[in-house]
Amino acid sequence: MIINNNLSAMNAHRQLGINQNNMQSSMEKLSSGEQINRAGDDAAGLSISEKMRAQIRGLDQASNNAQDGISLIQTAEGALDETHQILQRMSELATQSANDTNEGQDRQAIQDEVDQLAEEIDRIARDTSFNNQDLLNGEFEEMTFHIGANEGQDISISIDNMDAESLGVEGGERVIELETDTDTVHGVDGQDVLVNERNGETVAVDVDGSWYSESDVEAIDGDDGEELAVIGDAEPLNIDEDGDGGYTMTTGSEGAGINVLTQEDASSAIDDIQTAIDTVSSERSNLGAVQNRLEHTISNLDNASENLQAAESRIRDVDMAREMMEFTQNNILSEASQSMLAQANQQPQSVLQLLQ
């Protein structure tokens, strides 16, 4: 019997330390819910788990990106829906003006509303934006939605210019003032009379004599396709010897906008407006197709994220029932080790009996 080294106590102490360490590890896992709390728990498992977590977060953000893309598309599509409604009203007005039961004043009133509607289309195209990005003025070209967790997983979208001019439905006729600023022309054929438009441009019309009617004005010098028309019956144009005089007329460019001041122009405007309606419909269809794609993308991203989370959970998360079983076992062994250590410490006391 030896007393310098109590091997039984040393063994019991070593086992007590092991059991307590295991019990502490189980307590850490149970309290965190994860079986990998440090690299030492499972180095390879930790590396795989962290890669999966990065992928999961990327997929979740990509899903949010796609949601933002849908919100942008819904903003643009909602504005185009209102543009559609305006074009439908313009078509209705053009059809109304094409009926010869309307006289000049009636058609002018219709033209005024058409012009206002065209301005509203311009306002919609100018002011529709998402996060300070203009959507319908032609500047939204080749914009990218990143819809994946990795590089290059994106789609591009462009929205054409949807203002009145691009759709071919800008306001038609413009009222201008015709003023004479020439030498004495009363009763003289072939003199030029200046026409000053509201936009500041100057064109010239050849006036035959001191008055003219719509049939008298065939062409003018200026922009190609520019033409003049007199509203109402022909009226005298009085120009005195000093060259002073004036007349109010309208000017417009053929094909440059919607003009419903005559039956023929109103009939032509119906086709132009229908073309604009088809253009807006095509743009809305494209936006709808991208929106549907993004909705499927979101579904796929959410599904992929869910599957990755399940895989990562199997690597990282702790089985609570099993770990509780391990904890209970280590707790019992720890108490047993403490009891055996106490017994081992009592063994050297028996040596004293030999010394009596």
Protein backbone atom coordinates (compact mmCIF):
# COMPACT_ATOMS: atom_id res chain seq x y z
CA MET A 1 0.00 0.00 0.00
CA ILE A 2 1.40 3.39 -1.02
CA ILE A 3 0.42 6.82 0.16
CA ASN A 4 2.56 9.20 -1.94
CA ASN A 5 0.38 8.65 -4.99
CA ASN A 6 -3.31 7.90 -4.61
CA LEU A 7 -3.93 6.42 -8.02
CA SER A 8 -7.61 5.79 -7.32
CA ALA A 9 -8.16 9.41 -6.36
CA MET A 10 -6.22 10.61 -9.39
CA ASN A 11 -8.31 8.46 -11.71
CA ALA A 12 -11.56 9.58 -10.09
CA HIS A 13 -10.43 13.20 -10.36
CA ARG A 14 -9.60 12.82 -14.05
CA GLN A 15 -12.98 11.27 -14.79
CA LEU A 16 -14.69 14.00 -12.80
CA GLY A 17 -13.00 16.63 -14.97
CA ILE A 18 -14.04 14.85 -18.17
CA ASN A 19 -17.63 14.51 -17.04
CA GLN A 20 -17.84 18.13 -15.95
CA ASN A 21 -16.39 19.34 -19.27
CA ASN A 22 -18.89 17.22 -21.17
CA MET A 23 -21.67 18.51 -18.98
CA GLN A 24 -20.61 22.13 -19.59
CA SER A 25 -20.44 21.48 -23.34
CA SER A 26 -23.96 20.05 -23.25
CA MET A 27 -25.18 23.04 -21.26
CA GLU A 28 -23.64 25.41 -23.85
CA LYS A 29 -25.29 23.56 -26.72
CA LEU A 30 -28.63 23.42 -24.96
CA SER A 31 -28.54 27.12 -24.11
CA SER A 32 -27.45 28.24 -27.63
CA GLY A 33 -29.45 25.68 -29.59
CA GLU A 34 -26.39 24.99 -31.75
CA GLN A 35 -24.10 22.01 -31.68
CA ILE A 36 -21.26 24.03 -33.26
CA ASN A 37 -20.38 26.99 -31.07
CA ARG A 38 -16.68 27.19 -31.93
CA ALA A 39 -14.40 25.81 -34.60
CA GLY A 40 -13.18 23.16 -32.19
CA ASP A 41 -16.65 21.62 -32.06
CA ASP A 42 -16.56 20.74 -35.79
CA ALA A 43 -14.11 22.62 -38.03
CA ALA A 44 -15.39 21.23 -41.33
CA GLY A 45 -19.02 21.57 -40.29
CA LEU A 46 -18.43 25.20 -39.26
CA SER A 47 -16.92 26.05 -42.66
CA ILE A 48 -19.80 24.46 -44.56
CA SER A 49 -22.36 26.09 -42.28
CA GLU A 50 -20.91 29.60 -42.74
CA LYS A 51 -20.93 29.22 -46.53
CA MET A 52 -24.54 28.13 -46.39
CA ARG A 53 -25.45 31.05 -44.15
CA ALA A 54 -23.91 33.51 -46.62
CA GLN A 55 -25.85 31.86 -49.44
CA ILE A 56 -29.08 32.00 -47.45
CA ARG A 57 -28.69 35.70 -46.69
CA GLY A 58 -27.90 36.38 -50.33
CA LEU A 59 -31.01 34.52 -51.45
CA ASP A 60 -33.16 36.40 -48.95
CA GLN A 61 -31.81 39.76 -50.15
CA ALA A 62 -32.29 38.73 -53.78
CA SER A 63 -35.91 37.99 -52.94
CA ASN A 64 -36.20 41.49 -51.48
CA ASN A 65 -34.60 42.90 -54.63
CA ALA A 66 -37.20 41.14 -56.75
CA GLN A 67 -39.93 42.51 -54.49
CA ASP A 68 -38.56 46.02 -55.05
CA GLY A 69 -38.55 45.33 -58.78
CA ILE A 70 -42.21 44.38 -58.65
CA SER A 71 -42.98 47.56 -56.72
CA LEU A 72 -41.21 49.62 -59.40
CA ILE A 73 -43.09 47.86 -62.18
CA GLN A 74 -46.40 48.32 -60.39
CA THR A 75 -45.65 52.05 -60.10
CA ALA A 76 -44.96 52.35 -63.82
CA GLU A 77 -47.86 50.11 -64.79
CA GLY A 78 -50.27 52.08 -62.62
CA ALA A 79 -49.23 55.30 -64.33
CA LEU A 80 -49.64 53.69 -67.75
CA ASP A 81 -53.09 52.53 -66.74
CA GLU A 82 -54.04 56.17 -66.26
CA THR A 83 -52.45 56.98 -69.62
CA HIS A 84 -54.63 54.30 -71.13
CA GLN A 85 -57.72 55.88 -69.63
CA ILE A 86 -56.73 59.26 -71.06
CA LEU A 87 -56.18 57.79 -74.51
CA GLN A 88 -59.57 56.11 -74.36
CA ARG A 89 -61.11 59.50 -73.61
CA MET A 90 -59.17 61.09 -76.48
CA SER A 91 -60.46 58.39 -78.82
CA GLU A 92 -63.97 59.13 -77.65
CA LEU A 93 -63.49 62.84 -78.32
CA ALA A 94 -62.01 62.23 -81.76
CA THR A 95 -64.96 60.03 -82.66
CA GLN A 96 -67.30 62.74 -81.45
CA SER A 97 -65.53 65.41 -83.51
CA ALA A 98 -65.61 63.21 -86.62
CA ASN A 99 -69.38 63.66 -86.67
CA ASP A 100 -70.36 66.58 -88.91
CA THR A 101 -73.20 67.53 -86.59
CA ASN A 102 -70.48 69.53 -84.81
CA GLU A 103 -69.62 73.02 -85.98
CA GLY A 104 -66.36 74.91 -85.65
CA GLN A 105 -66.85 76.07 -82.08
CA ASP A 106 -67.86 72.58 -80.98
CA ARG A 107 -64.74 71.08 -82.49
CA GLN A 108 -62.58 73.80 -80.99
CA ALA A 109 -63.95 72.94 -77.54
CA ILE A 110 -63.19 69.28 -78.20
CA GLN A 111 -59.69 70.23 -79.37
CA ASP A 112 -59.13 72.16 -76.17
CA GLU A 113 -59.91 69.09 -74.08
CA VAL A 114 -57.70 66.93 -76.29
CA ASP A 115 -54.83 69.36 -75.75
CA GLN A 116 -55.34 69.27 -71.98
CA LEU A 117 -55.38 65.48 -72.01
CA ALA A 118 -52.16 65.45 -74.01
CA GLU A 119 -50.56 67.71 -71.42
CA GLU A 120 -51.66 65.32 -68.68
CA ILE A 121 -50.01 62.44 -70.52
CA ASP A 122 -46.83 64.52 -70.59
CA ARG A 123 -47.15 65.24 -66.87
CA ILE A 124 -47.57 61.55 -66.06
CA ALA A 125 -44.51 60.67 -68.14
CA ARG A 126 -42.52 63.48 -66.55
CA ASP A 127 -43.46 62.95 -62.90
CA THR A 128 -43.77 59.16 -62.54
CA SER A 129 -40.75 57.97 -60.57
CA PHE A 130 -39.59 55.30 -58.13
CA ASN A 131 -36.93 56.13 -55.56
CA ASN A 132 -36.10 59.34 -57.47
CA GLN A 133 -35.69 57.44 -60.75
CA ASP A 134 -37.86 58.62 -63.64
CA LEU A 135 -39.71 55.73 -65.23
CA LEU A 136 -41.69 56.95 -68.23
CA ASN A 137 -39.64 59.76 -69.77
CA GLY A 138 -37.29 57.52 -71.76
CA GLU A 139 -34.43 57.60 -69.25
CA PHE A 140 -35.17 54.19 -67.70
CA GLU A 141 -33.06 52.06 -70.04
CA GLU A 142 -31.28 48.76 -69.37
CA MET A 143 -31.82 48.94 -65.62
CA THR A 144 -30.75 45.82 -63.74
CA PHE A 145 -32.55 43.82 -61.07
CA HIS A 146 -30.10 41.56 -59.21
CA ILE A 147 -32.16 38.50 -58.37
CA GLY A 148 -29.63 35.93 -57.19
CA ALA A 149 -27.09 35.29 -54.46
CA ASN A 150 -24.18 35.11 -56.91
CA GLU A 151 -22.57 37.34 -59.51
CA GLY A 152 -24.36 37.78 -62.83
CA GLN A 153 -27.73 36.57 -61.62
CA ASP A 154 -29.78 39.52 -62.81
CA ILE A 155 -32.28 40.69 -65.41
CA SER A 156 -32.52 43.99 -67.29
CA ILE A 157 -35.57 46.08 -68.03
CA SER A 158 -36.21 49.18 -70.15
CA ILE A 159 -39.29 51.38 -70.35
CA ASP A 160 -39.85 53.45 -73.48
CA ASN A 161 -40.71 57.13 -73.47
CA MET A 162 -44.43 57.40 -72.82
CA ASP A 163 -44.97 61.13 -73.27
CA ALA A 164 -47.53 62.51 -75.69
CA GLU A 165 -45.03 63.27 -78.43
CA SER A 166 -43.56 59.76 -78.37
CA LEU A 167 -47.06 58.32 -78.52
CA GLY A 168 -47.99 60.69 -81.35
CA VAL A 169 -50.84 62.33 -79.46
CA GLU A 170 -49.44 65.70 -78.46
CA GLY A 171 -51.72 68.70 -78.81
CA GLY A 172 -52.50 69.58 -82.41
CA GLU A 173 -53.42 73.06 -83.61
CA ARG A 174 -51.91 76.16 -82.01
CA VAL A 175 -53.46 79.60 -82.15
CA ILE A 176 -51.03 82.27 -83.31
CA GLU A 177 -51.13 85.89 -84.32
CA LEU A 178 -50.52 86.96 -87.90
CA GLU A 179 -49.06 90.40 -88.02
CA THR A 180 -47.99 92.42 -91.01
CA ASP A 181 -44.68 94.14 -90.90
CA THR A 182 -44.06 94.93 -94.55
CA ASP A 183 -44.25 97.72 -97.04
CA THR A 184 -47.70 98.81 -98.20
CA VAL A 185 -49.36 95.64 -99.53
CA HIS A 186 -53.05 96.52 -99.77
CA GLY A 187 -54.32 95.27 -103.11
CA VAL A 188 -50.89 94.07 -104.23
CA ASP A 189 -50.39 90.42 -105.17
CA GLY A 190 -47.49 88.34 -104.01
CA GLN A 191 -46.38 90.23 -100.92
CA ASP A 192 -45.09 88.32 -97.88
CA VAL A 193 -46.76 88.69 -94.51
CA LEU A 194 -44.89 87.53 -91.41
CA VAL A 195 -46.41 84.98 -89.04
CA ASN A 196 -44.95 85.01 -85.53
CA GLU A 197 -45.60 81.73 -83.69
CA ARG A 198 -45.78 81.41 -79.94
CA ASN A 199 -42.53 79.47 -79.90
CA GLY A 200 -40.69 82.43 -81.38
CA GLU A 201 -40.10 80.95 -84.83
CA THR A 202 -40.97 83.09 -87.84
CA VAL A 203 -42.47 81.83 -91.09
CA ALA A 204 -43.91 83.70 -94.07
CA VAL A 205 -47.18 83.30 -95.95
CA ASP A 206 -47.89 84.57 -99.43
CA VAL A 207 -51.08 86.61 -99.35
CA ASP A 208 -53.02 87.27 -102.52
CA GLY A 209 -54.52 90.70 -102.07
CA SER A 210 -55.88 92.06 -98.84
CA TRP A 211 -57.80 88.99 -97.66
CA TYR A 212 -57.52 85.23 -97.78
CA SER A 213 -59.44 82.11 -96.94
CA GLU A 214 -58.38 78.58 -96.08
CA SER A 215 -58.23 77.68 -99.76
CA ASP A 216 -56.00 80.68 -100.49
CA VAL A 217 -53.17 79.49 -98.23
CA GLU A 218 -51.57 76.46 -99.84
CA ALA A 219 -48.07 76.41 -98.38
CA ILE A 220 -45.60 78.50 -96.44
CA ASP A 221 -41.88 78.76 -95.99
CA GLY A 222 -40.72 77.16 -92.78
CA ASP A 223 -40.68 73.68 -91.24
CA ASP A 224 -41.51 70.86 -93.59
CA GLY A 225 -45.17 69.98 -93.52
CA GLU A 226 -46.17 73.24 -91.84
CA GLU A 227 -49.54 74.54 -92.95
CA LEU A 228 -51.95 77.29 -92.07
CA ALA A 229 -55.70 77.14 -91.70
CA VAL A 230 -58.23 79.85 -90.94
CA ILE A 231 -60.91 79.06 -88.38
CA GLY A 232 -64.33 80.01 -89.66
CA ASP A 233 -65.29 81.82 -92.82
CA ALA A 234 -62.94 83.97 -94.80
CA GLU A 235 -62.61 87.45 -93.39
CA PRO A 236 -60.90 90.54 -94.79
CA LEU A 237 -57.36 91.27 -93.69
CA ASN A 238 -57.02 95.05 -93.47
CA ILE A 239 -53.52 96.38 -93.94
CA ASP A 240 -53.08 100.11 -94.05
CA GLU A 241 -50.44 102.07 -95.90
CA ASP A 242 -48.04 101.75 -93.00
CA GLY A 243 -48.18 97.95 -93.21
CA ASP A 244 -50.04 97.53 -89.93
CA GLY A 245 -52.69 94.87 -89.52
CA GLY A 246 -53.31 91.52 -87.96
CA TYR A 247 -55.19 88.27 -88.02
CA THR A 248 -55.54 85.26 -85.76
CA MET A 249 -55.09 81.81 -87.24
CA THR A 250 -53.84 78.37 -86.29
CA THR A 251 -50.78 76.49 -87.37
CA GLY A 252 -49.70 72.91 -86.94
CA SER A 253 -47.59 70.17 -88.49
CA GLU A 254 -49.16 67.25 -90.23
CA GLY A 255 -48.68 64.11 -88.13
CA ALA A 256 -47.24 66.12 -85.24
CA GLY A 257 -50.23 65.75 -82.94
CA ILE A 258 -53.94 65.16 -82.54
CA ASN A 259 -56.06 67.62 -84.53
CA VAL A 260 -59.83 67.24 -84.43
CA LEU A 261 -60.80 70.61 -85.91
CA THR A 262 -62.12 69.04 -89.10
CA GLN A 263 -64.00 65.86 -89.89
CA GLU A 264 -61.09 64.51 -91.90
CA ASP A 265 -58.52 65.27 -89.22
CA ALA A 266 -60.73 63.81 -86.50
CA SER A 267 -61.10 60.57 -88.47
CA SER A 268 -57.35 60.40 -88.90
CA ALA A 269 -56.87 61.12 -85.20
CA ILE A 270 -58.89 58.04 -84.29
CA ASP A 271 -56.27 55.83 -85.95
CA ASP A 272 -53.41 57.78 -84.38
CA ILE A 273 -54.91 57.42 -80.92
CA GLN A 274 -55.51 53.71 -81.47
CA THR A 275 -51.85 53.34 -82.39
CA ALA A 276 -50.93 55.09 -79.14
CA ILE A 277 -53.26 52.79 -77.21
CA ASP A 278 -51.58 49.77 -78.80
CA THR A 279 -48.15 51.18 -77.89
CA VAL A 280 -49.11 51.63 -74.24
CA SER A 281 -50.73 48.18 -74.23
CA SER A 282 -47.51 46.65 -75.54
CA GLU A 283 -45.45 48.41 -72.87
CA ARG A 284 -47.83 47.31 -70.13
CA SER A 285 -47.71 43.75 -71.46
CA ASN A 286 -43.91 43.79 -71.29
CA LEU A 287 -44.02 45.10 -67.73
CA GLY A 288 -46.60 42.49 -66.79
CA ALA A 289 -44.42 39.74 -68.23
CA VAL A 290 -41.42 40.90 -66.19
CA GLN A 291 -43.59 41.17 -63.08
CA ASN A 292 -44.83 37.60 -63.52
CA ARG A 293 -41.25 36.45 -64.01
CA LEU A 294 -40.18 38.21 -60.82
CA GLU A 295 -43.03 36.60 -58.89
CA HIS A 296 -41.81 33.16 -59.99
CA THR A 297 -38.26 34.25 -59.17
CA ILE A 298 -39.32 35.16 -55.64
CA SER A 299 -41.01 31.79 -55.22
CA ASN A 300 -37.88 29.98 -56.40
CA LEU A 301 -35.58 32.08 -54.20
CA ASP A 302 -37.72 31.49 -51.13
CA ASN A 303 -37.80 27.75 -51.84
CA ALA A 304 -34.02 27.61 -52.32
CA SER A 305 -33.48 29.59 -49.12
CA GLU A 306 -35.77 27.25 -47.21
CA ASN A 307 -33.94 24.16 -48.44
CA LEU A 308 -30.56 25.65 -47.61
CA GLN A 309 -31.74 26.58 -44.13
CA ALA A 310 -32.87 23.01 -43.58
CA ALA A 311 -29.48 21.70 -44.72
CA GLU A 312 -27.61 24.22 -42.58
CA SER A 313 -29.80 23.36 -39.61
CA ARG A 314 -28.84 19.71 -39.83
CA ILE A 315 -25.18 20.73 -39.64
CA ARG A 316 -25.36 23.54 -37.08
CA ASP A 317 -28.40 23.08 -34.87
CA VAL A 318 -28.43 20.80 -31.86
CA ASP A 319 -30.84 17.92 -31.30
CA MET A 320 -32.32 19.10 -28.01
CA ALA A 321 -33.64 15.69 -26.92
CA ARG A 322 -30.39 13.90 -27.65
CA GLU A 323 -28.27 16.63 -26.06
CA MET A 324 -30.48 16.60 -22.95
CA MET A 325 -29.86 12.89 -22.72
CA GLU A 326 -26.10 13.53 -22.96
CA PHE A 327 -26.34 16.23 -20.31
CA THR A 328 -28.22 13.95 -17.92
CA GLN A 329 -25.70 11.18 -18.44
CA ASN A 330 -22.74 13.49 -17.85
CA ASN A 331 -24.43 14.99 -14.81
CA ILE A 332 -24.92 11.56 -13.24
CA LEU A 333 -21.35 10.55 -14.08
CA SER A 334 -20.07 13.79 -12.60
CA GLU A 335 -21.89 13.14 -9.34
CA ALA A 336 -20.63 9.55 -9.32
CA SER A 337 -17.08 10.75 -9.94
CA GLN A 338 -17.35 13.14 -7.01
CA SER A 339 -18.54 10.31 -4.79
CA MET A 340 -15.74 8.00 -5.95
CA LEU A 341 -13.17 10.74 -5.44
CA ALA A 342 -14.35 11.08 -1.85
CA GLN A 343 -14.02 7.33 -1.35
CA ALA A 344 -10.56 7.29 -2.89
CA ASN A 345 -9.44 10.08 -0.60
CA GLN A 346 -10.44 7.93 2.39
CA GLN A 347 -8.22 4.98 1.40
CA PRO A 348 -4.90 6.39 2.73
CA GLN A 349 -6.51 6.75 6.14
CA SER A 350 -6.32 2.97 6.53
CA VAL A 351 -2.50 3.22 6.68
CA LEU A 352 -2.79 4.87 10.08
CA GLN A 353 -4.22 1.66 11.50
CA LEU A 354 -1.07 -0.18 10.48
CA LEU A 355 1.02 2.37 12.34
CA GLN A 356 -0.79 1.94 15.68
